[in-house]
Amino acid sequence: MLINALMNNIYSTPAYHSMTISHLLRRVQYGILSALGWVVVPIVRLIFSLIYKSRSKCVDPVENPLCLIPATELARRIRAREVKAEEVMRAYIERTRLVNRDCNFVVAERFEEALKEARNLDRILDSKEIPQEFSYQNAPFLGVPTSVKEAFALKGMPQTSGLVMVKDFRASEDAPVVGRMRRAGLIPYMVTNVSELCMWYESANRLNGRTCNPYNTSRIVGGSSGGEGCAIASGAALVGVGSDIGGSIRMPSFFNGIFGHKPSAGLVPNEGQFPLPTGRDMELLSTGPMCRYATDLLPLLKVMAGPETKLAKLDEKVDVMKIKFYSMYDDGGSLLVSHMEPEIQQAHQRVVRYLRDTVGVHVEELKLSKVRYSFEMWAAKMALSGGTDFATYMGNCQVRVNCYVELLKWLVGQSPHTLPAIGLGMGQGLADLTPETNKKNVQILRKLDEELRQVLGKDGVLLYPTHPKVAPYHNEPLFYPFNFAYTGLFNALAYPVTQCPLGLNSEGLPLGFQIVTAPNNDRLSIAVAVFLEKVFGGWVPPGKK
């Protein structure tokens, strides 16, 4: 993030293009940085591949068939007494114990409490009189196990977001969204790992360690909802809840090959998570579902949205054939972001060809020049939000941490903070020194918003990359800190986005893209994800033989 502020100062806005000399200099700089990208990135990747060559593995295949049933169908079977809720819970606990040894996604578990709740549910369902609260309308996910991102309050469980100074904190009540999930019949049985204070795209912290990708344990799971992504993809969880302020649902869903949805702003309550943004930062934050099967997305979102379901017309049927499709294969050439990996683009192109040639729908390729400033627009929106600065969050809002001192302590192994957290604290402080540049970038964002809303209207979706690289090696994101801009843009715009998996690449790592739509049109992007799952297969179990 230190580089962020410096680059933001130098050439973060199209104002450069108003002067011929400045425009020429920018073209020269772009050429140099682009060339460096083509040279440096392969070298970095080679070094990391050599470091992790003998330390990577894929988790064992999912063997229990109970762990391969969509949540809505599993709830139906439990209600129909085709399977016991306790039997299902035991299957997921067994799978969790098996794969967590390699992946480290569990922060804390409540296995015994969950089993007790499942047994009690079985006893009630076996009786002749079933309470109204357990009806399908009130509890559509009756008896289904769920994981919970550790940033959310789950009564009695840790809620630290990897911050060492609050390591002993336990939640005294459920977050509103967790309460809604419980009332819908879901049974939480563990909380999962995050990046420090949920502001980096690798889930690792000093308190709970590093979470590893189930498809290749030398790779990252993304962040900040990386523990959720890993647990769900590995077959240790079926559904979960994440939060997203810069891509924290979509990047873990992409890197782990599952479905995730960042809802329209205000659709799902954000309260009850730590840290909770203040000021206008809340406009960028969304809480939403993560799951293995696209068919579970909409029912989960309805549960999480509660009375706000009507706001996004989630009950309305969607005819995919009447949706207008648009596509972009990259951001147009940002100076700060890595080049798009070919296999990611090829997967995207396969979908576009299928829609055009087989389905017979028109897919228009968009050219939005302002998109190349995605990082600058996201950073400007954050800087001008008036929210609590990150260095203060690092001190649990009791003291503002001096990140320069922490960097020195980190260099000698004495800091309780991770390097990405320290870098963000330093970079945010420098970015705050450029208010005029930030204001110009927010103006660009507003113009892009107007342009994109006009294009998408009430019936359009945009197919857009999630990330320029498949899951990187551990610590590799330090060399590409701005790659999250592909997801961060839509937090700045407050658009709903569904993350959709598209199979595996030649190395066995997940591919996918984002399905973007206009605010309160969540049902459109989810409907497209359900449609594409049927054609391209959706989640691919790790270790599949």
Protein backbone atom coordinates (compact mmCIF):
# COMPACT_ATOMS: atom_id res chain seq x y z
CA MET A 1 0.00 0.00 0.00
CA LEU A 2 3.02 2.31 0.33
CA ILE A 3 3.52 1.99 -3.41
CA ASN A 4 -0.19 2.72 -3.79
CA ALA A 5 0.10 6.19 -2.29
CA LEU A 6 3.19 7.12 -4.28
CA MET A 7 1.72 5.95 -7.59
CA ASN A 8 -1.57 7.57 -6.70
CA ASN A 9 0.30 10.87 -6.33
CA ILE A 10 2.14 10.57 -9.60
CA TYR A 11 -0.35 9.51 -12.21
CA SER A 12 -3.60 8.20 -10.86
CA THR A 13 -6.02 10.28 -12.91
CA PRO A 14 -6.70 11.02 -16.60
CA ALA A 15 -5.91 14.67 -15.89
CA TYR A 16 -2.49 13.72 -17.20
CA HIS A 17 -3.88 13.40 -20.68
CA SER A 18 -4.69 17.10 -20.87
CA MET A 19 -1.06 18.00 -21.67
CA THR A 20 0.82 16.52 -24.61
CA ILE A 21 4.15 16.22 -22.79
CA SER A 22 2.57 14.60 -19.76
CA HIS A 23 0.67 12.22 -22.00
CA LEU A 24 3.89 11.24 -23.76
CA LEU A 25 5.67 10.72 -20.46
CA ARG A 26 2.82 8.56 -19.25
CA ARG A 27 3.04 6.41 -22.37
CA VAL A 28 6.77 5.96 -21.79
CA GLN A 29 6.18 5.07 -18.14
CA TYR A 30 3.46 2.64 -19.15
CA GLY A 31 5.77 0.97 -21.65
CA ILE A 32 8.54 0.61 -19.07
CA LEU A 33 6.27 -0.74 -16.35
CA SER A 34 4.51 -3.06 -18.77
CA ALA A 35 7.84 -4.45 -19.96
CA LEU A 36 8.96 -4.88 -16.36
CA GLY A 37 5.75 -6.77 -15.68
CA TRP A 38 6.45 -9.24 -18.47
CA VAL A 39 10.02 -9.76 -17.18
CA VAL A 40 9.63 -9.60 -13.39
CA VAL A 41 6.46 -11.66 -12.95
CA PRO A 42 7.87 -14.87 -14.53
CA ILE A 43 11.00 -14.53 -12.39
CA VAL A 44 8.98 -14.09 -9.21
CA ARG A 45 6.76 -17.04 -10.15
CA LEU A 46 9.84 -19.22 -10.88
CA ILE A 47 11.38 -18.40 -7.50
CA PHE A 48 8.18 -19.22 -5.63
CA SER A 49 7.66 -22.44 -7.59
CA LEU A 50 11.15 -23.59 -6.59
CA ILE A 51 10.56 -22.67 -2.94
CA TYR A 52 7.29 -24.62 -2.75
CA LYS A 53 8.15 -27.43 -5.16
CA SER A 54 8.31 -30.13 -2.46
CA ARG A 55 5.75 -28.58 -0.11
CA SER A 56 2.54 -28.74 -2.11
CA LYS A 57 -0.25 -31.29 -2.07
CA CYS A 58 -3.95 -31.62 -2.84
CA VAL A 59 -6.37 -32.70 -0.14
CA ASP A 60 -7.93 -36.18 -0.25
CA PRO A 61 -11.11 -36.62 -2.30
CA VAL A 62 -14.51 -36.22 -0.63
CA GLU A 63 -15.72 -39.78 0.02
CA ASN A 64 -18.89 -39.40 2.10
CA PRO A 65 -21.82 -38.82 -0.29
CA LEU A 66 -23.60 -36.74 2.38
CA CYS A 67 -20.96 -34.07 1.80
CA LEU A 68 -21.86 -33.85 -1.89
CA ILE A 69 -25.50 -32.79 -1.66
CA PRO A 70 -26.64 -29.15 -2.22
CA ALA A 71 -27.92 -27.44 0.93
CA THR A 72 -31.51 -27.04 -0.24
CA GLU A 73 -31.74 -30.72 -1.18
CA LEU A 74 -30.02 -31.81 2.04
CA ALA A 75 -32.56 -29.82 4.09
CA ARG A 76 -35.39 -31.53 2.18
CA ARG A 77 -33.96 -34.97 2.97
CA ILE A 78 -33.56 -34.13 6.66
CA ARG A 79 -37.13 -32.83 6.84
CA ALA A 80 -38.42 -35.93 5.01
CA ARG A 81 -36.42 -38.12 7.47
CA GLU A 82 -34.41 -39.68 4.66
CA VAL A 83 -31.31 -38.79 6.65
CA LYS A 84 -30.66 -37.70 10.23
CA ALA A 85 -29.36 -34.21 10.98
CA GLU A 86 -26.84 -35.74 13.39
CA GLU A 87 -25.55 -38.07 10.67
CA VAL A 88 -25.00 -35.09 8.37
CA MET A 89 -23.25 -33.09 11.09
CA ARG A 90 -20.94 -36.00 11.91
CA ALA A 91 -20.01 -36.34 8.22
CA TYR A 92 -18.98 -32.69 8.03
CA ILE A 93 -17.09 -32.77 11.33
CA GLU A 94 -15.18 -35.86 10.17
CA ARG A 95 -14.30 -34.16 6.87
CA THR A 96 -13.24 -31.01 8.70
CA ARG A 97 -10.88 -32.92 10.97
CA LEU A 98 -9.35 -34.69 7.99
CA VAL A 99 -8.60 -31.72 5.73
CA ASN A 100 -7.93 -29.04 8.35
CA ARG A 101 -4.60 -30.72 9.12
CA ASP A 102 -3.38 -29.67 5.68
CA CYS A 103 -5.36 -26.46 5.18
CA ASN A 104 -5.69 -24.80 8.62
CA PHE A 105 -9.00 -23.01 8.11
CA VAL A 106 -10.54 -23.67 11.55
CA VAL A 107 -10.06 -20.94 14.15
CA ALA A 108 -12.38 -22.54 16.71
CA GLU A 109 -15.00 -25.30 16.65
CA ARG A 110 -18.24 -26.05 18.50
CA PHE A 111 -18.61 -29.65 17.34
CA GLU A 112 -20.22 -31.01 20.51
CA GLU A 113 -22.73 -28.18 20.73
CA ALA A 114 -23.59 -28.61 17.03
CA LEU A 115 -24.10 -32.36 17.46
CA LYS A 116 -26.35 -31.72 20.44
CA GLU A 117 -28.42 -29.25 18.39
CA ALA A 118 -28.65 -31.76 15.52
CA ARG A 119 -29.79 -34.56 17.88
CA ASN A 120 -32.41 -32.29 19.40
CA LEU A 121 -33.67 -31.41 15.91
CA ASP A 122 -33.91 -35.11 15.01
CA ARG A 123 -35.93 -35.77 18.16
CA ILE A 124 -38.39 -33.01 17.26
CA LEU A 125 -38.69 -34.10 13.61
CA ASP A 126 -39.30 -37.69 14.68
CA SER A 127 -42.24 -36.58 16.81
CA LYS A 128 -45.70 -36.09 15.37
CA GLU A 129 -45.99 -32.43 16.30
CA ILE A 130 -43.45 -30.21 14.52
CA PRO A 131 -43.37 -26.55 15.66
CA GLN A 132 -44.21 -23.83 13.15
CA GLU A 133 -40.71 -22.41 13.50
CA PHE A 134 -39.42 -25.56 11.75
CA SER A 135 -41.74 -25.23 8.75
CA TYR A 136 -40.17 -24.94 5.30
CA GLN A 137 -41.20 -21.29 5.04
CA ASN A 138 -39.46 -20.41 8.31
CA ALA A 139 -36.53 -22.83 8.17
CA PRO A 140 -35.61 -23.65 4.55
CA PHE A 141 -32.14 -24.92 5.61
CA LEU A 142 -33.30 -27.07 8.51
CA GLY A 143 -30.44 -29.14 9.92
CA VAL A 144 -27.83 -28.03 7.38
CA PRO A 145 -24.32 -27.42 8.82
CA THR A 146 -22.72 -24.02 8.21
CA SER A 147 -19.35 -22.43 8.83
CA VAL A 148 -19.01 -18.76 9.82
CA LYS A 149 -16.28 -16.27 9.00
CA GLU A 150 -14.48 -15.53 12.28
CA ALA A 151 -15.00 -11.80 11.79
CA PHE A 152 -18.73 -12.33 12.52
CA ALA A 153 -20.05 -12.72 16.04
CA LEU A 154 -21.09 -16.31 16.81
CA LYS A 155 -22.05 -16.55 20.47
CA GLY A 156 -19.29 -18.06 22.59
CA MET A 157 -16.78 -18.18 19.73
CA PRO A 158 -13.64 -16.07 19.16
CA GLN A 159 -14.11 -12.86 17.17
CA THR A 160 -10.62 -11.43 16.69
CA SER A 161 -10.03 -11.10 12.93
CA GLY A 162 -6.48 -12.21 13.63
CA LEU A 163 -5.60 -9.23 15.84
CA VAL A 164 -3.28 -10.43 18.60
CA MET A 165 -4.28 -7.81 21.16
CA VAL A 166 -7.88 -9.12 21.28
CA LYS A 167 -6.95 -12.82 21.27
CA ASP A 168 -9.12 -13.61 24.31
CA PHE A 169 -12.30 -11.93 23.08
CA ARG A 170 -15.42 -14.09 22.73
CA ALA A 171 -18.71 -13.00 21.17
CA SER A 172 -21.56 -12.56 23.65
CA GLU A 173 -24.30 -12.81 21.00
CA ASP A 174 -24.79 -13.66 17.33
CA ALA A 175 -24.35 -11.09 14.56
CA PRO A 176 -27.72 -10.24 12.94
CA VAL A 177 -26.90 -12.23 9.79
CA VAL A 178 -25.81 -15.25 11.87
CA GLY A 179 -29.05 -15.02 13.83
CA ARG A 180 -31.04 -15.11 10.59
CA MET A 181 -29.07 -18.14 9.44
CA ARG A 182 -29.78 -19.97 12.68
CA ARG A 183 -33.50 -19.18 12.49
CA ALA A 184 -33.50 -20.57 8.94
CA GLY A 185 -32.37 -23.91 10.40
CA LEU A 186 -28.62 -23.73 9.74
CA ILE A 187 -26.39 -25.16 12.48
CA PRO A 188 -23.01 -23.40 12.86
CA TYR A 189 -20.15 -25.66 13.92
CA MET A 190 -16.96 -23.64 13.39
CA VAL A 191 -15.52 -20.19 12.71
CA THR A 192 -12.91 -19.85 9.98
CA ASN A 193 -9.70 -17.93 9.38
CA VAL A 194 -9.22 -14.45 7.87
CA SER A 195 -6.46 -12.01 7.01
CA GLU A 196 -5.45 -9.58 9.77
CA LEU A 197 -8.38 -7.20 10.29
CA CYS A 198 -9.88 -8.51 7.01
CA MET A 199 -7.88 -6.19 4.76
CA TRP A 200 -5.57 -8.37 2.66
CA TYR A 201 -6.12 -11.01 0.04
CA GLU A 202 -4.20 -13.83 1.74
CA SER A 203 -5.78 -15.29 4.88
CA ALA A 204 -2.88 -15.36 7.32
CA ASN A 205 -2.33 -13.69 10.67
CA ARG A 206 -0.11 -13.90 13.75
CA LEU A 207 -2.87 -15.38 15.88
CA ASN A 208 -4.23 -18.28 13.81
CA GLY A 209 -1.58 -18.88 11.16
CA ARG A 210 -1.94 -19.31 7.42
CA THR A 211 -4.72 -21.07 5.52
CA CYS A 212 -3.74 -23.23 2.53
CA ASN A 213 -5.58 -23.92 -0.71
CA PRO A 214 -7.20 -27.39 -0.88
CA TYR A 215 -6.23 -27.80 -4.56
CA ASN A 216 -2.58 -27.03 -3.86
CA THR A 217 -1.48 -26.29 -0.30
CA SER A 218 1.39 -24.09 -1.50
CA ARG A 219 -1.19 -21.60 -2.86
CA ILE A 220 -3.30 -18.96 -1.13
CA VAL A 221 -7.02 -19.20 -0.40
CA GLY A 222 -7.61 -15.48 -0.83
CA GLY A 223 -8.91 -13.06 1.74
CA SER A 224 -10.35 -11.96 3.82
CA SER A 225 -13.02 -14.71 3.78
CA GLY A 226 -10.37 -17.25 2.83
CA GLY A 227 -11.13 -19.71 5.61
CA GLU A 228 -14.73 -19.90 4.40
CA GLY A 229 -13.62 -20.41 0.80
CA CYS A 230 -11.22 -23.18 1.75
CA ALA A 231 -13.63 -24.99 4.09
CA ILE A 232 -16.40 -24.99 1.50
CA ALA A 233 -14.20 -25.98 -1.45
CA SER A 234 -12.50 -28.79 0.47
CA GLY A 235 -15.85 -30.40 1.31
CA ALA A 236 -15.53 -29.54 5.02
CA ALA A 237 -18.40 -27.06 4.82
CA LEU A 238 -21.40 -26.74 2.53
CA VAL A 239 -22.37 -23.09 2.94
CA GLY A 240 -21.02 -20.10 4.81
CA VAL A 241 -21.10 -16.34 5.24
CA GLY A 242 -18.46 -13.83 4.16
CA SER A 243 -18.02 -10.09 3.94
CA ASP A 244 -16.55 -8.06 1.11
CA ILE A 245 -15.06 -4.55 1.07
CA GLY A 246 -12.59 -5.04 -1.77
CA GLY A 247 -13.23 -8.57 -3.01
CA SER A 248 -13.21 -10.56 0.24
CA ILE A 249 -16.04 -12.88 -0.86
CA ARG A 250 -15.21 -13.04 -4.55
CA MET A 251 -11.43 -13.60 -4.45
CA PRO A 252 -11.64 -16.57 -2.00
CA SER A 253 -14.52 -17.96 -4.06
CA PHE A 254 -12.40 -17.60 -7.23
CA PHE A 255 -9.19 -19.06 -5.78
CA ASN A 256 -11.12 -21.99 -4.27
CA GLY A 257 -13.51 -22.63 -7.17
CA ILE A 258 -16.84 -22.05 -5.40
CA PHE A 259 -19.78 -19.65 -5.74
CA GLY A 260 -20.04 -16.43 -3.80
CA HIS A 261 -22.23 -13.36 -3.97
CA LYS A 262 -21.51 -9.76 -2.98
CA PRO A 263 -25.00 -8.31 -2.56
CA SER A 264 -26.23 -4.83 -3.38
CA ALA A 265 -25.28 -2.32 -0.69
CA GLY A 266 -27.65 -2.41 2.27
CA LEU A 267 -29.36 -5.66 1.30
CA VAL A 268 -27.80 -7.74 4.12
CA PRO A 269 -26.93 -6.27 7.55
CA ASN A 270 -23.20 -5.75 8.13
CA GLU A 271 -23.49 -5.22 11.87
CA GLY A 272 -21.96 -7.72 14.25
CA GLN A 273 -18.60 -8.11 12.54
CA PHE A 274 -15.15 -6.96 13.64
CA PRO A 275 -13.81 -4.60 12.58
CA LEU A 276 -17.01 -2.81 11.54
CA PRO A 277 -16.26 0.06 9.13
CA THR A 278 -17.31 3.54 10.11
CA GLY A 279 -18.29 6.59 8.10
CA ARG A 280 -19.02 5.96 4.44
CA ASP A 281 -16.79 2.86 4.40
CA MET A 282 -20.04 0.98 5.05
CA GLU A 283 -21.08 1.84 1.49
CA LEU A 284 -18.27 -0.37 0.20
CA LEU A 285 -18.94 -3.30 2.53
CA SER A 286 -21.35 -6.14 1.76
CA THR A 287 -22.18 -9.32 3.66
CA GLY A 288 -23.18 -12.33 1.58
CA PRO A 289 -23.33 -16.09 0.98
CA MET A 290 -20.60 -18.48 -0.12
CA CYS A 291 -21.42 -22.04 -1.23
CA ARG A 292 -20.50 -24.95 -3.48
CA TYR A 293 -23.70 -25.10 -5.49
CA ALA A 294 -25.20 -22.16 -7.37
CA THR A 295 -28.73 -23.35 -6.62
CA ASP A 296 -28.13 -22.51 -2.95
CA LEU A 297 -27.16 -18.87 -3.60
CA LEU A 298 -30.59 -17.29 -3.96
CA PRO A 299 -32.23 -19.15 -1.02
CA LEU A 300 -29.25 -18.22 1.18
CA LEU A 301 -29.39 -14.59 0.09
CA LYS A 302 -33.11 -14.45 0.89
CA VAL A 303 -32.40 -15.75 4.40
CA MET A 304 -29.60 -13.22 4.93
CA ALA A 305 -31.57 -10.31 3.46
CA GLY A 306 -34.68 -11.00 5.53
CA PRO A 307 -37.25 -8.22 5.05
CA GLU A 308 -34.99 -6.51 2.50
CA THR A 309 -35.69 -9.34 0.04
CA LYS A 310 -38.37 -7.16 -1.57
CA LEU A 311 -35.82 -4.37 -2.18
CA ALA A 312 -34.00 -6.52 -4.74
CA LYS A 313 -37.12 -8.38 -5.95
CA LEU A 314 -35.46 -11.68 -5.10
CA ASP A 315 -38.73 -13.58 -5.47
CA GLU A 316 -39.15 -12.59 -9.12
CA LYS A 317 -38.47 -15.30 -11.73
CA VAL A 318 -35.65 -14.61 -14.19
CA ASP A 319 -35.57 -15.67 -17.83
CA VAL A 320 -31.89 -15.91 -18.73
CA MET A 321 -32.74 -15.68 -22.44
CA LYS A 322 -34.05 -12.15 -21.87
CA ILE A 323 -30.88 -10.92 -20.17
CA LYS A 324 -28.52 -8.64 -22.10
CA PHE A 325 -24.93 -9.91 -21.91
CA TYR A 326 -21.81 -7.75 -21.96
CA SER A 327 -18.19 -8.83 -21.61
CA MET A 328 -14.75 -7.41 -20.81
CA TYR A 329 -11.62 -9.58 -20.81
CA ASP A 330 -9.40 -7.23 -18.78
CA ASP A 331 -9.29 -3.77 -17.22
CA GLY A 332 -7.86 -2.09 -20.30
CA GLY A 333 -4.27 -1.93 -19.12
CA SER A 334 -3.77 -0.60 -15.60
CA LEU A 335 -0.18 0.25 -14.72
CA LEU A 336 -0.60 -1.22 -11.26
CA VAL A 337 -2.13 -4.61 -12.03
CA SER A 338 -0.64 -7.84 -13.43
CA HIS A 339 -1.28 -8.99 -16.98
CA MET A 340 -4.20 -11.40 -17.37
CA GLU A 341 -3.15 -15.06 -17.38
CA PRO A 342 -4.11 -16.74 -20.69
CA GLU A 343 -6.05 -19.64 -19.17
CA ILE A 344 -8.30 -17.26 -17.23
CA GLN A 345 -9.09 -15.40 -20.43
CA GLN A 346 -9.60 -18.62 -22.36
CA ALA A 347 -12.18 -19.86 -19.84
CA HIS A 348 -13.98 -16.53 -20.15
CA GLN A 349 -13.93 -16.82 -23.94
CA ARG A 350 -15.39 -20.34 -23.80
CA VAL A 351 -18.42 -18.99 -21.97
CA VAL A 352 -18.87 -16.14 -24.44
CA ARG A 353 -18.64 -18.56 -27.40
CA TYR A 354 -21.15 -20.89 -25.79
CA LEU A 355 -23.62 -18.07 -25.19
CA ARG A 356 -23.25 -16.82 -28.77
CA ASP A 357 -22.97 -20.05 -30.73
CA THR A 358 -25.03 -22.51 -28.71
CA VAL A 359 -27.54 -20.44 -26.74
CA GLY A 360 -27.88 -17.85 -29.49
CA VAL A 361 -27.70 -14.72 -27.34
CA HIS A 362 -25.75 -11.62 -28.31
CA VAL A 363 -22.73 -10.82 -26.11
CA GLU A 364 -21.44 -7.29 -26.60
CA GLU A 365 -17.81 -6.60 -25.79
CA LEU A 366 -17.51 -3.39 -23.78
CA LYS A 367 -14.71 -0.84 -23.89
CA LEU A 368 -14.79 1.26 -20.72
CA SER A 369 -11.59 3.31 -20.57
CA LYS A 370 -12.13 4.46 -16.99
CA VAL A 371 -11.96 0.89 -15.69
CA ARG A 372 -8.17 0.96 -15.90
CA TYR A 373 -8.24 3.30 -12.88
CA SER A 374 -10.05 0.73 -10.74
CA PHE A 375 -7.53 0.71 -7.92
CA GLU A 376 -7.24 4.48 -7.82
CA MET A 377 -11.03 4.86 -7.67
CA TRP A 378 -11.41 2.27 -4.89
CA ALA A 379 -8.56 3.82 -2.87
CA ALA A 380 -9.99 7.33 -3.31
CA LYS A 381 -13.45 6.21 -2.18
CA MET A 382 -11.92 4.63 0.91
CA ALA A 383 -9.74 7.66 1.65
CA LEU A 384 -12.65 10.10 1.45
CA SER A 385 -15.10 7.95 3.41
CA GLY A 386 -14.39 9.63 6.72
CA GLY A 387 -14.06 6.25 8.41
CA THR A 388 -11.61 5.08 11.05
CA ASP A 389 -8.11 4.73 9.63
CA PHE A 390 -6.51 1.29 9.52
CA ALA A 391 -3.66 2.11 11.95
CA THR A 392 -6.29 2.88 14.58
CA TYR A 393 -8.03 -0.45 13.92
CA MET A 394 -4.63 -2.11 14.43
CA GLY A 395 -4.69 -0.66 17.96
CA ASN A 396 -8.27 -1.94 18.52
CA CYS A 397 -9.46 1.68 18.29
CA GLN A 398 -7.75 2.38 21.62
CA VAL A 399 -4.49 3.68 20.23
CA ARG A 400 -3.19 4.52 16.76
CA VAL A 401 -0.34 2.15 15.88
CA ASN A 402 2.84 3.72 14.48
CA CYS A 403 3.28 1.53 11.41
CA TYR A 404 6.84 2.74 10.74
CA VAL A 405 7.87 1.51 14.18
CA GLU A 406 5.98 -1.73 13.54
CA LEU A 407 7.90 -2.20 10.29
CA LEU A 408 11.18 -2.00 12.17
CA LYS A 409 9.86 -4.46 14.75
CA TRP A 410 8.67 -6.76 11.95
CA LEU A 411 12.14 -6.80 10.41
CA VAL A 412 13.53 -8.29 13.64
CA GLY A 413 10.59 -10.59 14.19
CA GLN A 414 9.02 -8.67 17.08
CA SER A 415 5.81 -7.23 15.62
CA PRO A 416 2.41 -8.80 16.42
CA HIS A 417 1.20 -7.59 13.02
CA THR A 418 1.58 -9.01 9.51
CA LEU A 419 3.56 -7.17 6.84
CA PRO A 420 0.46 -6.50 4.67
CA ALA A 421 -1.31 -4.88 7.63
CA ILE A 422 1.72 -2.70 8.38
CA GLY A 423 2.04 -1.73 4.72
CA LEU A 424 -1.64 -0.82 4.51
CA GLY A 425 -1.38 1.37 7.58
CA MET A 426 1.62 3.19 6.10
CA GLY A 427 0.11 3.52 2.62
CA GLN A 428 -3.25 4.76 3.86
CA GLY A 429 -1.54 7.53 5.79
CA LEU A 430 0.26 8.71 2.65
CA ALA A 431 -2.85 8.44 0.48
CA ASP A 432 -4.69 10.74 2.89
CA LEU A 433 -2.16 13.45 2.02
CA THR A 434 -3.54 13.68 -1.55
CA PRO A 435 -7.16 14.82 -1.09
CA GLU A 436 -7.39 16.66 -4.43
CA THR A 437 -6.23 13.63 -6.37
CA ASN A 438 -8.70 11.50 -4.44
CA LYS A 439 -11.54 13.86 -5.29
CA LYS A 440 -10.66 13.71 -8.99
CA ASN A 441 -10.65 9.91 -8.89
CA VAL A 442 -14.06 9.85 -7.19
CA GLN A 443 -15.34 12.09 -10.00
CA ILE A 444 -14.06 9.53 -12.52
CA LEU A 445 -15.85 6.83 -10.51
CA ARG A 446 -19.14 8.74 -10.68
CA LYS A 447 -18.85 9.12 -14.44
CA LEU A 448 -18.12 5.39 -14.81
CA ASP A 449 -21.13 4.63 -12.61
CA GLU A 450 -23.39 6.70 -14.86
CA GLU A 451 -21.97 5.06 -17.96
CA LEU A 452 -22.26 1.49 -16.64
CA ARG A 453 -25.76 1.93 -15.19
CA GLN A 454 -26.93 3.14 -18.58
CA VAL A 455 -25.40 0.10 -20.28
CA LEU A 456 -26.67 -2.53 -17.81
CA GLY A 457 -30.06 -1.00 -17.19
CA LYS A 458 -32.58 -3.32 -15.52
CA ASP A 459 -31.79 -6.41 -17.59
CA GLY A 460 -28.03 -6.54 -18.22
CA VAL A 461 -25.05 -8.41 -16.80
CA LEU A 462 -21.32 -7.91 -17.36
CA LEU A 463 -18.94 -10.89 -17.49
CA TYR A 464 -15.69 -9.57 -16.01
CA PRO A 465 -12.48 -11.15 -14.65
CA THR A 466 -12.14 -11.65 -10.91
CA HIS A 467 -8.36 -11.57 -10.78
CA PRO A 468 -5.51 -11.56 -13.30
CA LYS A 469 -3.89 -14.66 -11.77
CA VAL A 470 -5.10 -18.02 -10.48
CA ALA A 471 -4.33 -18.68 -6.80
CA PRO A 472 -0.77 -17.38 -6.22
CA TYR A 473 1.81 -19.00 -3.98
CA HIS A 474 1.88 -18.01 -0.32
CA ASN A 475 3.32 -14.48 0.12
CA GLU A 476 3.38 -13.94 -3.65
CA PRO A 477 0.61 -11.28 -3.42
CA LEU A 478 3.16 -9.00 -1.75
CA PHE A 479 4.61 -8.54 -5.24
CA TYR A 480 1.20 -7.78 -6.78
CA PRO A 481 -0.60 -5.80 -4.07
CA PHE A 482 -3.03 -4.05 -6.41
CA ASN A 483 -4.41 -7.07 -8.27
CA PHE A 484 -7.54 -6.97 -6.11
CA ALA A 485 -8.60 -3.91 -8.15
CA TYR A 486 -10.62 -6.22 -10.41
CA THR A 487 -12.98 -6.87 -7.50
CA GLY A 488 -12.49 -3.62 -5.56
CA LEU A 489 -13.99 -1.59 -8.40
CA PHE A 490 -17.45 -2.99 -7.73
CA ASN A 491 -17.24 -2.20 -4.03
CA ALA A 492 -16.54 1.40 -4.98
CA LEU A 493 -19.54 1.27 -7.34
CA ALA A 494 -21.69 -0.65 -4.80
CA TYR A 495 -22.83 -3.12 -7.52
CA PRO A 496 -23.94 -6.68 -6.78
CA VAL A 497 -21.61 -9.36 -8.16
CA THR A 498 -21.79 -13.16 -8.32
CA GLN A 499 -18.56 -15.14 -8.47
CA CYS A 500 -18.87 -18.15 -10.81
CA PRO A 501 -16.33 -21.03 -11.10
CA LEU A 502 -15.37 -22.27 -14.57
CA GLY A 503 -13.43 -25.47 -13.99
CA LEU A 504 -9.70 -25.95 -13.40
CA ASN A 505 -6.62 -24.84 -15.31
CA SER A 506 -3.79 -27.07 -16.52
CA GLU A 507 -2.24 -27.05 -13.02
CA GLY A 508 -5.49 -28.12 -11.38
CA LEU A 509 -6.28 -24.68 -9.95
CA PRO A 510 -9.74 -23.07 -10.13
CA LEU A 511 -10.79 -20.66 -12.87
CA GLY A 512 -13.80 -18.35 -12.94
CA PHE A 513 -15.14 -14.85 -13.44
CA GLN A 514 -17.49 -12.25 -12.00
CA ILE A 515 -21.07 -11.71 -13.15
CA VAL A 516 -21.84 -8.05 -12.50
CA THR A 517 -25.20 -6.34 -12.58
CA ALA A 518 -26.75 -3.03 -11.55
CA PRO A 519 -27.81 -2.32 -7.94
CA ASN A 520 -30.75 -4.40 -6.66
CA ASN A 521 -30.59 -6.70 -9.70
CA ASP A 522 -28.88 -9.45 -7.69
CA ARG A 523 -31.35 -12.02 -9.00
CA LEU A 524 -29.98 -11.56 -12.56
CA SER A 525 -26.33 -12.39 -11.81
CA ILE A 526 -27.37 -15.33 -9.62
CA ALA A 527 -29.66 -16.69 -12.34
CA VAL A 528 -26.78 -16.56 -14.85
CA ALA A 529 -24.52 -18.42 -12.36
CA VAL A 530 -27.15 -21.16 -11.96
CA PHE A 531 -27.43 -21.43 -15.74
CA LEU A 532 -23.65 -21.64 -16.25
CA GLU A 533 -23.24 -24.22 -13.48
CA LYS A 534 -25.41 -26.62 -15.47
CA VAL A 535 -23.20 -26.21 -18.54
CA PHE A 536 -19.68 -25.79 -17.15
CA GLY A 537 -20.00 -27.95 -14.03
CA GLY A 538 -19.49 -25.40 -11.25
CA TRP A 539 -17.42 -26.59 -8.30
CA VAL A 540 -14.90 -29.35 -9.05
CA PRO A 541 -14.03 -31.43 -5.95
CA PRO A 542 -10.31 -31.23 -5.06
CA GLY A 543 -8.50 -34.52 -5.40
CA LYS A 544 -11.12 -35.74 -7.85
CA LYS A 545 -9.97 -38.98 -9.48
